[in-house]
């Protein structure tokens, strides 16, 4: 009988934001497949978890995934965690889940923190209908087209952006929608959590005074 792949949500910043069930599962599984073992190790130490860690990230290749599948088929229970938040959302876990479904291996979610939802509920934007687009393209021309398309949406739009590209995103956004309000949230649940609201120009002026740091959730 095959084991179970547990999709375990972990904190997006504050290490206390983890469920009791997640802690129990992380203690009981055979091993934990982690996108960033260094960050996961900090979480495990904080909660007294000694389970073996194995790296599993976008550069792991098919061989690592095949080995995880093999161990699941042999009866091992495995927990999949991302560097923060809910696995398979803008991270490499999707392909592993897809293969488990193909192999008829049970996949069980352990719900918890998600940056996109945490940002949405404090944004003041409608929450009854929204679209999550993850990270937009890092190519300028393609990103502009993506933003232009998303601006036509009647639903609330949520995207992720890195500190290295946030200003490019805002410049493109301002060129297309100079009066449109945009909300940017960074460092959610951490000591320096920050929420910015205004036009793209307003927020660019803020970043001219303070260098962008951390990962960003953008809502409009």
C-alpha atoms as a PDB file:
ATOM      1  CA  UNK A   1       0.000   0.000   0.000  1.00  0.00           C
ATOM      2  CA  UNK A   2       1.377   3.386  -0.969  1.00  0.00           C
ATOM      3  CA  UNK A   3       1.972   6.211   1.478  1.00  0.00           C
ATOM      4  CA  UNK A   4       0.500   9.703   1.494  1.00  0.00           C
ATOM      5  CA  UNK A   5       1.915  12.978   0.236  1.00  0.00           C
ATOM      6  CA  UNK A   6       0.978  15.742   2.676  1.00  0.00           C
ATOM      7  CA  UNK A   7       0.938  19.277   1.249  1.00  0.00           C
ATOM      8  CA  UNK A   8       1.840  21.211   4.397  1.00  0.00           C
ATOM      9  CA  UNK A   9       1.396  24.967   4.633  1.00  0.00           C
ATOM     10  CA  UNK A  10       4.085  26.711   6.674  1.00  0.00           C
ATOM     11  CA  UNK A  11       4.395  30.285   8.026  1.00  0.00           C
ATOM     12  CA  UNK A  12       4.974  33.144   5.583  1.00  0.00           C
ATOM     13  CA  UNK A  13       6.980  35.043   8.186  1.00  0.00           C
ATOM     14  CA  UNK A  14       5.990  34.659  11.822  1.00  0.00           C
ATOM     15  CA  UNK A  15       7.012  31.171  12.958  1.00  0.00           C
ATOM     16  CA  UNK A  16       3.967  30.954  15.246  1.00  0.00           C
ATOM     17  CA  UNK A  17       1.629  30.894  12.234  1.00  0.00           C
ATOM     18  CA  UNK A  18       1.507  27.108  11.901  1.00  0.00           C
ATOM     19  CA  UNK A  19      -1.301  24.729  12.806  1.00  0.00           C
ATOM     20  CA  UNK A  20      -1.151  22.003  15.437  1.00  0.00           C
ATOM     21  CA  UNK A  21      -1.978  19.463  12.749  1.00  0.00           C
ATOM     22  CA  UNK A  22       0.910  20.653  10.580  1.00  0.00           C
ATOM     23  CA  UNK A  23       3.337  20.209  13.480  1.00  0.00           C
ATOM     24  CA  UNK A  24       2.034  16.688  14.142  1.00  0.00           C
ATOM     25  CA  UNK A  25       2.265  15.658  10.483  1.00  0.00           C
ATOM     26  CA  UNK A  26       5.788  17.062  10.131  1.00  0.00           C
ATOM     27  CA  UNK A  27       6.829  14.992  13.153  1.00  0.00           C
ATOM     28  CA  UNK A  28       5.203  11.778  11.918  1.00  0.00           C
ATOM     29  CA  UNK A  29       6.161  11.565   8.229  1.00  0.00           C
ATOM     30  CA  UNK A  30       9.166   9.585   7.002  1.00  0.00           C
ATOM     31  CA  UNK A  31      10.809  12.694   5.598  1.00  0.00           C
ATOM     32  CA  UNK A  32      10.077  16.271   4.535  1.00  0.00           C
ATOM     33  CA  UNK A  33      10.658  17.401   0.947  1.00  0.00           C
ATOM     34  CA  UNK A  34      11.609  21.061   1.224  1.00  0.00           C
ATOM     35  CA  UNK A  35      12.071  23.839  -1.333  1.00  0.00           C
ATOM     36  CA  UNK A  36      14.635  25.528   0.947  1.00  0.00           C
ATOM     37  CA  UNK A  37      16.076  23.226   3.613  1.00  0.00           C
ATOM     38  CA  UNK A  38      17.849  26.086   5.413  1.00  0.00           C
ATOM     39  CA  UNK A  39      14.615  27.982   6.000  1.00  0.00           C
ATOM     40  CA  UNK A  40      12.673  24.822   6.836  1.00  0.00           C
ATOM     41  CA  UNK A  41      15.323  23.804   9.381  1.00  0.00           C
ATOM     42  CA  UNK A  42      14.716  27.052  11.291  1.00  0.00           C
ATOM     43  CA  UNK A  43      10.986  26.267  11.443  1.00  0.00           C
ATOM     44  CA  UNK A  44      11.577  22.675  12.558  1.00  0.00           C
ATOM     45  CA  UNK A  45      13.967  23.737  15.314  1.00  0.00           C
ATOM     46  CA  UNK A  46      11.435  26.289  16.593  1.00  0.00           C
ATOM     47  CA  UNK A  47       8.831  23.556  17.024  1.00  0.00           C
ATOM     48  CA  UNK A  48      11.009  20.654  18.177  1.00  0.00           C
ATOM     49  CA  UNK A  49      10.684  18.648  14.957  1.00  0.00           C
ATOM     50  CA  UNK A  50      13.546  16.272  14.128  1.00  0.00           C
ATOM     51  CA  UNK A  51      12.270  14.689  10.905  1.00  0.00           C
ATOM     52  CA  UNK A  52      14.754  14.167   8.084  1.00  0.00           C
ATOM     53  CA  UNK A  53      14.863  16.872   5.412  1.00  0.00           C
ATOM     54  CA  UNK A  54      15.426  16.373   1.687  1.00  0.00           C
ATOM     55  CA  UNK A  55      15.713  19.204  -0.813  1.00  0.00           C
ATOM     56  CA  UNK A  56      13.135  19.452  -3.587  1.00  0.00           C
ATOM     57  CA  UNK A  57      13.107  22.596  -5.689  1.00  0.00           C
ATOM     58  CA  UNK A  58      12.812  23.803  -9.281  1.00  0.00           C
ATOM     59  CA  UNK A  59      16.413  22.744 -10.031  1.00  0.00           C
ATOM     60  CA  UNK A  60      16.112  19.239  -8.572  1.00  0.00           C
ATOM     61  CA  UNK A  61      15.297  17.602 -11.886  1.00  0.00           C
ATOM     62  CA  UNK A  62      13.135  14.589 -12.619  1.00  0.00           C
ATOM     63  CA  UNK A  63      15.398  12.174 -10.779  1.00  0.00           C
ATOM     64  CA  UNK A  64      14.619  13.627  -7.353  1.00  0.00           C
ATOM     65  CA  UNK A  65      10.889  13.606  -8.053  1.00  0.00           C
ATOM     66  CA  UNK A  66      11.088   9.996  -9.243  1.00  0.00           C
ATOM     67  CA  UNK A  67      12.828   8.978  -5.998  1.00  0.00           C
ATOM     68  CA  UNK A  68      10.133  10.672  -3.915  1.00  0.00           C
ATOM     69  CA  UNK A  69       7.431   8.878  -5.913  1.00  0.00           C
ATOM     70  CA  UNK A  70       9.271   5.566  -5.454  1.00  0.00           C
ATOM     71  CA  UNK A  71       9.367   6.033  -1.682  1.00  0.00           C
ATOM     72  CA  UNK A  72       5.689   6.977  -1.581  1.00  0.00           C
ATOM     73  CA  UNK A  73       4.817   3.864  -3.582  1.00  0.00           C
ATOM     74  CA  UNK A  74       6.820   1.758  -1.120  1.00  0.00           C
ATOM     75  CA  UNK A  75       4.667   3.033   1.759  1.00  0.00           C
ATOM     76  CA  UNK A  76       6.529   6.077   3.078  1.00  0.00           C
ATOM     77  CA  UNK A  77       4.558   9.156   4.090  1.00  0.00           C
ATOM     78  CA  UNK A  78       6.103  12.393   2.830  1.00  0.00           C
ATOM     79  CA  UNK A  79       5.447  16.046   3.664  1.00  0.00           C
ATOM     80  CA  UNK A  80       5.976  18.664   0.966  1.00  0.00           C
ATOM     81  CA  UNK A  81       6.756  22.201   2.154  1.00  0.00           C
ATOM     82  CA  UNK A  82       7.720  25.344   0.266  1.00  0.00           C
ATOM     83  CA  UNK A  83      10.098  28.017   1.523  1.00  0.00           C
ATOM     84  CA  UNK A  84       7.023  29.727   3.009  1.00  0.00           C
ATOM     85  CA  UNK A  85       3.247  29.568   2.734  1.00  0.00           C
ATOM     86  CA  UNK A  86       1.247  26.981   0.850  1.00  0.00           C
ATOM     87  CA  UNK A  87       3.127  24.566  -1.455  1.00  0.00           C
ATOM     88  CA  UNK A  88       2.369  24.318  -5.202  1.00  0.00           C
ATOM     89  CA  UNK A  89       1.369  28.021  -5.383  1.00  0.00           C
ATOM     90  CA  UNK A  90       4.122  29.691  -7.428  1.00  0.00           C
ATOM     91  CA  UNK A  91       6.589  26.941  -6.472  1.00  0.00           C
ATOM     92  CA  UNK A  92       7.782  23.603  -7.966  1.00  0.00           C
ATOM     93  CA  UNK A  93       5.479  21.279  -6.009  1.00  0.00           C
ATOM     94  CA  UNK A  94       2.823  21.211  -8.721  1.00  0.00           C
ATOM     95  CA  UNK A  95       4.585  18.591 -10.845  1.00  0.00           C
ATOM     96  CA  UNK A  96       5.003  16.256  -7.862  1.00  0.00           C
ATOM     97  CA  UNK A  97       1.306  16.462  -6.998  1.00  0.00           C
ATOM     98  CA  UNK A  98       0.379  15.840 -10.625  1.00  0.00           C
ATOM     99  CA  UNK A  99       2.567  12.718 -10.740  1.00  0.00           C
ATOM    100  CA  UNK A 100       1.107  11.439  -7.454  1.00  0.00           C
ATOM    101  CA  UNK A 101      -2.387  11.731  -8.894  1.00  0.00           C
ATOM    102  CA  UNK A 102      -1.227   9.850 -11.994  1.00  0.00           C
ATOM    103  CA  UNK A 103       0.262   7.098  -9.794  1.00  0.00           C
ATOM    104  CA  UNK A 104      -2.897   6.990  -7.627  1.00  0.00           C
ATOM    105  CA  UNK A 105      -0.958   8.097  -4.539  1.00  0.00           C
ATOM    106  CA  UNK A 106      -3.091   9.840  -1.928  1.00  0.00           C
ATOM    107  CA  UNK A 107      -2.472  13.596  -1.644  1.00  0.00           C
ATOM    108  CA  UNK A 108      -3.719  15.364   1.494  1.00  0.00           C
ATOM    109  CA  UNK A 109      -3.636  19.125   2.150  1.00  0.00           C
ATOM    110  CA  UNK A 110      -2.686  20.542   5.543  1.00  0.00           C
ATOM    111  CA  UNK A 111      -4.069  24.096   5.199  1.00  0.00           C
ATOM    112  CA  UNK A 112      -2.457  27.196   6.623  1.00  0.00           C
ATOM    113  CA  UNK A 113      -0.830  30.469   5.657  1.00  0.00           C
ATOM    114  CA  UNK A 114      -0.940  31.864   2.129  1.00  0.00           C
ATOM    115  CA  UNK A 115       0.513  35.269   1.288  1.00  0.00           C
ATOM    116  CA  UNK A 116      -1.982  36.028  -1.471  1.00  0.00           C
ATOM    117  CA  UNK A 117      -5.017  35.459   0.761  1.00  0.00           C
ATOM    118  CA  UNK A 118      -3.469  37.191   3.773  1.00  0.00           C
ATOM    119  CA  UNK A 119      -2.848  40.277   1.631  1.00  0.00           C
ATOM    120  CA  UNK A 120      -6.274  40.135   0.009  1.00  0.00           C
ATOM    121  CA  UNK A 121      -8.228  40.197   3.269  1.00  0.00           C
ATOM    122  CA  UNK A 122      -6.476  43.374   4.450  1.00  0.00           C
ATOM    123  CA  UNK A 123      -6.522  45.120   1.065  1.00  0.00           C
ATOM    124  CA  UNK A 124     -10.035  46.528   1.213  1.00  0.00           C
ATOM    125  CA  UNK A 125     -10.672  45.175  -2.285  1.00  0.00           C
ATOM    126  CA  UNK A 126     -13.626  42.868  -3.061  1.00  0.00           C
ATOM    127  CA  UNK A 127     -12.944  39.315  -1.910  1.00  0.00           C
ATOM    128  CA  UNK A 128     -15.977  37.557  -3.390  1.00  0.00           C
ATOM    129  CA  UNK A 129     -14.355  37.252  -6.812  1.00  0.00           C
ATOM    130  CA  UNK A 130     -10.636  37.509  -7.521  1.00  0.00           C
ATOM    131  CA  UNK A 131      -7.884  36.211  -9.801  1.00  0.00           C
ATOM    132  CA  UNK A 132      -4.376  35.161  -8.728  1.00  0.00           C
ATOM    133  CA  UNK A 133      -1.678  35.372 -11.402  1.00  0.00           C
ATOM    134  CA  UNK A 134       1.464  34.548  -9.424  1.00  0.00           C
ATOM    135  CA  UNK A 135       4.638  36.133 -10.819  1.00  0.00           C
ATOM    136  CA  UNK A 136       4.322  37.998 -14.109  1.00  0.00           C
ATOM    137  CA  UNK A 137       6.926  37.672 -16.859  1.00  0.00           C
ATOM    138  CA  UNK A 138      10.408  39.067 -16.280  1.00  0.00           C
ATOM    139  CA  UNK A 139      10.506  40.151 -19.933  1.00  0.00           C
ATOM    140  CA  UNK A 140       9.485  43.795 -20.303  1.00  0.00           C
ATOM    141  CA  UNK A 141       7.318  43.532 -23.411  1.00  0.00           C
ATOM    142  CA  UNK A 142       5.476  40.441 -22.213  1.00  0.00           C
ATOM    143  CA  UNK A 143       4.923  41.867 -18.721  1.00  0.00           C
ATOM    144  CA  UNK A 144       3.343  45.014 -20.182  1.00  0.00           C
ATOM    145  CA  UNK A 145       0.917  42.896 -22.190  1.00  0.00           C
ATOM    146  CA  UNK A 146       0.067  40.842 -19.102  1.00  0.00           C
ATOM    147  CA  UNK A 147      -0.641  43.969 -17.046  1.00  0.00           C
ATOM    148  CA  UNK A 148      -2.734  45.454 -19.848  1.00  0.00           C
ATOM    149  CA  UNK A 149      -4.841  42.287 -19.975  1.00  0.00           C
ATOM    150  CA  UNK A 150      -5.251  42.151 -16.190  1.00  0.00           C
ATOM    151  CA  UNK A 151      -6.398  45.777 -16.082  1.00  0.00           C
ATOM    152  CA  UNK A 152      -9.461  44.702 -18.075  1.00  0.00           C
ATOM    153  CA  UNK A 153     -10.496  42.322 -15.279  1.00  0.00           C
ATOM    154  CA  UNK A 154     -13.635  43.124 -13.291  1.00  0.00           C
ATOM    155  CA  UNK A 155     -12.352  40.863 -10.511  1.00  0.00           C
ATOM    156  CA  UNK A 156      -9.764  41.814  -7.902  1.00  0.00           C
ATOM    157  CA  UNK A 157      -6.297  40.953  -9.239  1.00  0.00           C
ATOM    158  CA  UNK A 158      -3.460  39.538  -7.104  1.00  0.00           C
ATOM    159  CA  UNK A 159       0.114  39.119  -8.337  1.00  0.00           C
ATOM    160  CA  UNK A 160       3.497  38.474  -6.738  1.00  0.00           C
ATOM    161  CA  UNK A 161       6.574  40.546  -7.482  1.00  0.00           C
ATOM    162  CA  UNK A 162      10.210  40.501  -6.422  1.00  0.00           C
ATOM    163  CA  UNK A 163      12.154  43.466  -4.982  1.00  0.00           C
ATOM    164  CA  UNK A 164      14.261  43.469  -8.151  1.00  0.00           C
ATOM    165  CA  UNK A 165      11.289  43.985 -10.490  1.00  0.00           C
ATOM    166  CA  UNK A 166       8.677  45.835  -8.443  1.00  0.00           C
ATOM    167  CA  UNK A 167       9.699  49.263  -9.751  1.00  0.00           C
ATOM    168  CA  UNK A 168       9.570  48.062 -13.367  1.00  0.00           C
ATOM    169  CA  UNK A 169       6.113  46.654 -12.686  1.00  0.00           C
ATOM    170  CA  UNK A 170       4.937  49.960 -11.216  1.00  0.00           C
ATOM    171  CA  UNK A 171       6.322  51.981 -14.136  1.00  0.00           C
ATOM    172  CA  UNK A 172       4.464  49.751 -16.590  1.00  0.00           C
ATOM    173  CA  UNK A 173       1.317  49.951 -14.461  1.00  0.00           C
ATOM    174  CA  UNK A 174       1.510  53.744 -14.279  1.00  0.00           C
ATOM    175  CA  UNK A 175       1.933  54.037 -18.053  1.00  0.00           C
ATOM    176  CA  UNK A 176      -1.221  51.987 -18.583  1.00  0.00           C
ATOM    177  CA  UNK A 177      -3.377  53.159 -15.652  1.00  0.00           C
ATOM    178  CA  UNK A 178      -2.015  56.367 -14.071  1.00  0.00           C
ATOM    179  CA  UNK A 179      -5.093  56.937 -11.868  1.00  0.00           C
ATOM    180  CA  UNK A 180      -5.746  53.317 -10.838  1.00  0.00           C
ATOM    181  CA  UNK A 181      -5.263  52.500  -7.154  1.00  0.00           C
ATOM    182  CA  UNK A 182      -2.816  49.732  -6.361  1.00  0.00           C
ATOM    183  CA  UNK A 183      -2.115  48.106  -2.989  1.00  0.00           C
ATOM    184  CA  UNK A 184       1.298  46.647  -2.218  1.00  0.00           C
ATOM    185  CA  UNK A 185       1.980  44.522   0.843  1.00  0.00           C
ATOM    186  CA  UNK A 186       5.435  43.307   1.820  1.00  0.00           C
ATOM    187  CA  UNK A 187       6.988  41.295   4.645  1.00  0.00           C
ATOM    188  CA  UNK A 188       3.596  39.965   5.743  1.00  0.00           C
ATOM    189  CA  UNK A 189       3.477  38.851   9.415  1.00  0.00           C
ATOM    190  CA  UNK A 190       7.089  39.951   9.934  1.00  0.00           C
ATOM    191  CA  UNK A 191       8.481  42.762  12.081  1.00  0.00           C
ATOM    192  CA  UNK A 192       8.684  45.213   9.180  1.00  0.00           C
ATOM    193  CA  UNK A 193       5.315  44.423   7.588  1.00  0.00           C
ATOM    194  CA  UNK A 194       4.328  47.306   5.336  1.00  0.00           C
ATOM    195  CA  UNK A 195       1.202  48.229   3.378  1.00  0.00           C
ATOM    196  CA  UNK A 196       1.319  50.841   0.620  1.00  0.00           C
ATOM    197  CA  UNK A 197      -1.759  52.225  -1.108  1.00  0.00           C
ATOM    198  CA  UNK A 198      -2.122  54.788  -3.892  1.00  0.00           C
ATOM    199  CA  UNK A 199      -1.351  55.268  -7.556  1.00  0.00           C
ATOM    200  CA  UNK A 200       1.685  53.561  -9.025  1.00  0.00           C
ATOM    201  CA  UNK A 201       3.363  56.979  -9.132  1.00  0.00           C
ATOM    202  CA  UNK A 202       2.760  57.484  -5.391  1.00  0.00           C
ATOM    203  CA  UNK A 203       4.373  54.151  -4.583  1.00  0.00           C
ATOM    204  CA  UNK A 204       7.297  54.752  -6.938  1.00  0.00           C
ATOM    205  CA  UNK A 205       7.953  58.003  -5.078  1.00  0.00           C
ATOM    206  CA  UNK A 206       8.025  56.014  -1.834  1.00  0.00           C
ATOM    207  CA  UNK A 207      10.561  53.564  -3.277  1.00  0.00           C
ATOM    208  CA  UNK A 208      12.708  56.461  -4.468  1.00  0.00           C
ATOM    209  CA  UNK A 209      13.211  57.259  -0.778  1.00  0.00           C
ATOM    210  CA  UNK A 210      13.315  53.691   0.523  1.00  0.00           C
ATOM    211  CA  UNK A 211      14.816  50.809  -1.446  1.00  0.00           C
ATOM    212  CA  UNK A 212      12.363  47.928  -2.069  1.00  0.00           C
ATOM    213  CA  UNK A 213      13.066  44.898   0.112  1.00  0.00           C
ATOM    214  CA  UNK A 214      11.301  41.602   0.645  1.00  0.00           C
ATOM    215  CA  UNK A 215       8.701  39.836  -1.469  1.00  0.00           C
ATOM    216  CA  UNK A 216       5.665  41.816  -2.597  1.00  0.00           C
ATOM    217  CA  UNK A 217       1.990  41.014  -3.025  1.00  0.00           C
ATOM    218  CA  UNK A 218       0.348  43.459  -5.436  1.00  0.00           C
ATOM    219  CA  UNK A 219      -3.426  43.927  -5.526  1.00  0.00           C
ATOM    220  CA  UNK A 220      -5.540  46.082  -7.827  1.00  0.00           C
END
